[in-house]
N, C-alpha and C. Protein backbone atom coordinates (compact mmCIF):
# COMPACT_ATOMS: atom_id res chain seq x y z
N MET A 1 3.71 1.56 15.02
CA MET A 1 3.51 1.43 13.58
C MET A 1 4.71 1.99 12.84
N GLU A 2 5.20 1.27 11.85
CA GLU A 2 6.35 1.69 11.11
C GLU A 2 5.96 2.82 10.11
N ASN A 3 6.87 3.83 10.00
CA ASN A 3 6.65 4.91 9.09
C ASN A 3 7.21 4.54 7.70
N ASN A 4 6.34 4.29 6.72
CA ASN A 4 6.79 3.90 5.38
C ASN A 4 6.67 5.06 4.43
N SER A 5 6.60 6.30 4.92
CA SER A 5 6.47 7.43 4.04
C SER A 5 7.75 7.72 3.29
N TYR A 6 7.59 8.17 2.07
CA TYR A 6 8.77 8.54 1.24
C TYR A 6 9.13 10.02 1.60
N LYS A 7 10.42 10.32 1.50
CA LYS A 7 10.86 11.69 1.70
C LYS A 7 10.72 12.46 0.44
N ALA A 8 10.30 13.72 0.55
CA ALA A 8 10.12 14.56 -0.60
C ALA A 8 10.82 15.87 -0.29
N PHE A 9 11.38 16.50 -1.32
CA PHE A 9 12.11 17.73 -1.12
C PHE A 9 11.75 18.75 -2.23
N ALA A 10 11.68 20.01 -1.82
CA ALA A 10 11.71 21.11 -2.77
C ALA A 10 13.18 21.47 -2.95
N VAL A 11 13.52 21.65 -4.20
CA VAL A 11 14.93 21.90 -4.55
C VAL A 11 15.06 23.36 -5.09
N SER A 12 15.88 24.14 -4.42
CA SER A 12 16.15 25.54 -4.82
C SER A 12 16.98 25.55 -6.08
N LYS A 13 17.06 26.71 -6.69
CA LYS A 13 17.88 26.87 -7.93
C LYS A 13 19.32 26.50 -7.74
N ASP A 14 19.77 26.72 -6.47
CA ASP A 14 21.20 26.38 -6.19
C ASP A 14 21.45 24.89 -5.84
N GLY A 15 20.34 24.11 -5.90
CA GLY A 15 20.47 22.69 -5.60
C GLY A 15 20.21 22.33 -4.14
N THR A 16 19.94 23.32 -3.34
CA THR A 16 19.69 23.03 -1.88
C THR A 16 18.34 22.29 -1.77
N ARG A 17 18.31 21.25 -0.98
CA ARG A 17 17.07 20.48 -0.70
C ARG A 17 16.40 20.99 0.54
N HIS A 18 15.06 21.07 0.49
CA HIS A 18 14.26 21.51 1.63
C HIS A 18 13.19 20.44 1.85
N LEU A 19 13.18 19.75 2.90
CA LEU A 19 12.27 18.65 3.24
C LEU A 19 10.84 19.18 3.19
N ILE A 20 9.99 18.41 2.53
CA ILE A 20 8.54 18.74 2.50
C ILE A 20 7.91 17.72 3.39
N GLU A 21 7.18 18.22 4.45
CA GLU A 21 6.46 17.32 5.37
C GLU A 21 5.02 17.32 4.93
N ALA A 22 4.60 16.20 4.21
CA ALA A 22 3.26 16.07 3.70
C ALA A 22 2.93 14.64 3.48
N GLU A 23 1.60 14.33 3.46
CA GLU A 23 1.13 13.01 3.14
C GLU A 23 1.10 12.81 1.60
N THR A 24 0.69 13.94 0.93
CA THR A 24 0.63 13.87 -0.57
C THR A 24 1.09 15.22 -1.14
N ILE A 25 1.51 15.19 -2.36
CA ILE A 25 1.86 16.43 -3.08
C ILE A 25 0.86 16.56 -4.25
N LEU A 26 0.29 17.74 -4.37
CA LEU A 26 -0.67 18.01 -5.46
C LEU A 26 -0.03 18.93 -6.46
N ILE A 27 0.00 18.49 -7.74
CA ILE A 27 0.54 19.33 -8.82
C ILE A 27 -0.58 19.68 -9.77
N GLN A 28 -0.74 21.00 -10.02
CA GLN A 28 -1.79 21.42 -10.95
C GLN A 28 -1.17 21.57 -12.37
N LEU A 29 -1.83 20.92 -13.31
CA LEU A 29 -1.49 21.01 -14.72
C LEU A 29 -2.72 21.48 -15.47
N GLY A 30 -2.72 22.70 -15.81
CA GLY A 30 -3.92 23.26 -16.45
C GLY A 30 -5.07 23.19 -15.53
N GLU A 31 -6.18 22.62 -15.90
CA GLU A 31 -7.35 22.49 -15.14
C GLU A 31 -7.38 21.25 -14.28
N GLU A 32 -6.42 20.34 -14.47
CA GLU A 32 -6.44 19.12 -13.77
C GLU A 32 -5.29 19.03 -12.72
N ASP A 33 -5.42 18.13 -11.75
CA ASP A 33 -4.41 17.87 -10.76
C ASP A 33 -3.89 16.47 -10.85
N ILE A 34 -2.62 16.30 -10.48
CA ILE A 34 -2.03 14.98 -10.18
C ILE A 34 -1.56 14.98 -8.79
N GLU A 35 -1.92 13.95 -8.12
CA GLU A 35 -1.59 13.78 -6.63
C GLU A 35 -0.51 12.69 -6.60
N ILE A 36 0.55 12.99 -5.88
CA ILE A 36 1.62 12.03 -5.62
C ILE A 36 1.55 11.60 -4.17
N ALA A 37 1.34 10.34 -3.92
CA ALA A 37 1.21 9.84 -2.58
C ALA A 37 2.63 9.64 -1.97
N LEU A 38 2.89 10.23 -0.77
CA LEU A 38 4.18 10.08 -0.15
C LEU A 38 4.13 8.93 0.88
N THR A 39 2.93 8.37 1.11
CA THR A 39 2.77 7.14 1.88
C THR A 39 2.01 6.19 0.96
N PRO A 40 2.59 4.97 0.73
CA PRO A 40 1.92 4.04 -0.17
C PRO A 40 0.50 3.77 0.31
N PRO A 41 -0.47 3.79 -0.64
CA PRO A 41 -1.91 3.55 -0.28
C PRO A 41 -2.20 2.17 0.24
N HIS A 42 -1.30 1.23 0.00
CA HIS A 42 -1.48 -0.19 0.43
C HIS A 42 -0.06 -0.74 0.48
N PRO A 43 0.17 -1.65 1.46
CA PRO A 43 1.53 -2.28 1.61
C PRO A 43 2.08 -2.87 0.31
N VAL A 44 1.24 -3.39 -0.57
CA VAL A 44 1.78 -4.02 -1.82
C VAL A 44 2.41 -2.93 -2.75
N PHE A 45 2.08 -1.66 -2.46
CA PHE A 45 2.68 -0.67 -3.33
C PHE A 45 3.93 0.03 -2.71
N GLN A 46 4.42 -0.56 -1.56
CA GLN A 46 5.65 0.01 -0.98
C GLN A 46 6.79 -0.04 -1.94
N GLY A 47 7.52 1.01 -2.06
CA GLY A 47 8.63 1.07 -3.03
C GLY A 47 8.23 1.54 -4.43
N LYS A 48 6.91 1.88 -4.61
CA LYS A 48 6.42 2.28 -5.90
C LYS A 48 5.83 3.68 -5.73
N LEU A 49 5.96 4.57 -6.73
CA LEU A 49 5.43 5.87 -6.68
C LEU A 49 4.03 5.78 -7.20
N THR A 50 3.03 6.30 -6.42
CA THR A 50 1.63 6.20 -6.83
C THR A 50 1.16 7.56 -7.17
N LEU A 51 0.67 7.75 -8.41
CA LEU A 51 0.14 9.01 -8.89
C LEU A 51 -1.38 8.80 -9.17
N THR A 52 -2.20 9.75 -8.77
CA THR A 52 -3.62 9.67 -9.06
C THR A 52 -4.12 10.97 -9.66
N THR A 53 -5.25 10.89 -10.29
CA THR A 53 -5.90 12.06 -10.85
C THR A 53 -7.40 11.90 -10.85
N GLY A 54 -8.16 12.99 -11.07
CA GLY A 54 -9.56 12.93 -11.14
C GLY A 54 -10.17 12.45 -9.81
N SER A 55 -11.22 11.57 -9.81
CA SER A 55 -11.95 11.14 -8.69
C SER A 55 -11.11 10.26 -7.75
N ALA A 56 -9.92 9.87 -8.19
CA ALA A 56 -9.06 9.02 -7.28
C ALA A 56 -8.24 9.88 -6.26
N ILE A 57 -8.31 11.20 -6.47
CA ILE A 57 -7.62 12.09 -5.54
C ILE A 57 -8.41 12.22 -4.26
N GLN A 58 -7.67 12.23 -3.10
CA GLN A 58 -8.35 12.40 -1.82
C GLN A 58 -9.23 13.60 -1.80
N GLY A 59 -10.47 13.42 -1.35
CA GLY A 59 -11.44 14.49 -1.23
C GLY A 59 -12.27 14.68 -2.52
N ARG A 60 -11.96 13.98 -3.57
CA ARG A 60 -12.67 14.09 -4.84
C ARG A 60 -13.35 12.81 -5.24
N GLU A 61 -13.54 11.89 -4.24
CA GLU A 61 -14.06 10.58 -4.54
C GLU A 61 -15.49 10.60 -5.12
N HIS A 62 -16.24 11.69 -4.83
CA HIS A 62 -17.64 11.70 -5.26
C HIS A 62 -17.85 12.47 -6.50
N GLU A 63 -16.76 12.84 -7.19
CA GLU A 63 -16.99 13.52 -8.47
C GLU A 63 -17.56 12.63 -9.50
N THR A 64 -18.38 13.20 -10.31
CA THR A 64 -18.95 12.40 -11.40
C THR A 64 -18.55 13.04 -12.72
N GLY A 65 -18.88 12.35 -13.78
CA GLY A 65 -18.50 12.88 -15.09
C GLY A 65 -17.72 11.79 -15.83
N SER A 66 -17.24 12.19 -16.95
CA SER A 66 -16.60 11.16 -17.83
C SER A 66 -15.21 10.75 -17.27
N GLY A 67 -14.63 11.52 -16.35
CA GLY A 67 -13.42 11.09 -15.69
C GLY A 67 -12.15 11.62 -16.36
N THR A 68 -11.04 11.35 -15.72
CA THR A 68 -9.73 11.74 -16.13
C THR A 68 -8.77 10.57 -16.13
N GLN A 69 -7.93 10.47 -17.07
CA GLN A 69 -6.93 9.39 -17.15
C GLN A 69 -5.57 10.03 -17.27
N LEU A 70 -4.52 9.26 -16.87
CA LEU A 70 -3.16 9.74 -17.01
C LEU A 70 -2.59 9.18 -18.32
N ILE A 71 -2.07 10.02 -19.16
CA ILE A 71 -1.42 9.66 -20.43
C ILE A 71 0.11 9.65 -20.09
N ILE A 72 0.67 8.46 -20.32
CA ILE A 72 2.13 8.33 -20.04
C ILE A 72 2.89 8.10 -21.30
N GLU A 73 3.92 8.96 -21.48
CA GLU A 73 4.77 8.86 -22.70
C GLU A 73 6.22 8.76 -22.21
N PRO A 74 6.95 7.74 -22.77
CA PRO A 74 8.36 7.65 -22.39
C PRO A 74 9.16 8.83 -23.10
N GLY A 75 10.10 9.39 -22.33
CA GLY A 75 10.91 10.47 -22.87
C GLY A 75 12.33 9.95 -23.14
N ALA A 76 12.78 9.03 -22.28
CA ALA A 76 14.08 8.38 -22.37
C ALA A 76 14.01 7.19 -21.43
N ALA A 77 15.10 6.50 -21.32
CA ALA A 77 15.18 5.30 -20.40
C ALA A 77 14.89 5.70 -18.98
N ASN A 78 15.13 6.98 -18.59
CA ASN A 78 14.90 7.42 -17.20
C ASN A 78 14.02 8.64 -17.11
N VAL A 79 13.13 8.82 -18.12
CA VAL A 79 12.15 9.95 -18.13
C VAL A 79 10.78 9.54 -18.59
N LEU A 80 9.76 9.97 -17.85
CA LEU A 80 8.40 9.76 -18.21
C LEU A 80 7.66 11.07 -18.27
N HIS A 81 6.84 11.31 -19.28
CA HIS A 81 6.04 12.44 -19.40
C HIS A 81 4.61 12.05 -19.09
N ILE A 82 3.97 12.74 -18.10
CA ILE A 82 2.65 12.36 -17.67
C ILE A 82 1.72 13.49 -17.77
N THR A 83 0.57 13.28 -18.45
CA THR A 83 -0.37 14.32 -18.74
C THR A 83 -1.79 13.81 -18.30
N PRO A 84 -2.50 14.65 -17.42
CA PRO A 84 -3.84 14.24 -17.08
C PRO A 84 -4.74 14.71 -18.21
N LYS A 85 -5.62 13.82 -18.66
CA LYS A 85 -6.50 14.12 -19.78
C LYS A 85 -7.97 13.75 -19.45
N LYS A 86 -8.83 14.75 -19.53
CA LYS A 86 -10.24 14.47 -19.24
C LYS A 86 -10.82 13.67 -20.44
N LEU A 87 -11.71 12.71 -20.15
CA LEU A 87 -12.33 11.91 -21.18
C LEU A 87 -13.54 12.58 -21.68
């Protein structure tokens, strides 16, 4: 089976890259999490960065409630600001 995982790095203050070996990266913003998939969840998403929040995060599929959505704001031609917001 072909490995279609994306490479991810932690970058030190001096610019040194350190490879992160993981299937996903979880970032906490306040009380919510954003999960970044390092392996596309489906072949049609190959080459695309997939972010999930709320009940779409692995292990949280059975959560109930009003849910969480991602608010996306453009910052510049090459910048996006993403905020998880509970409904």
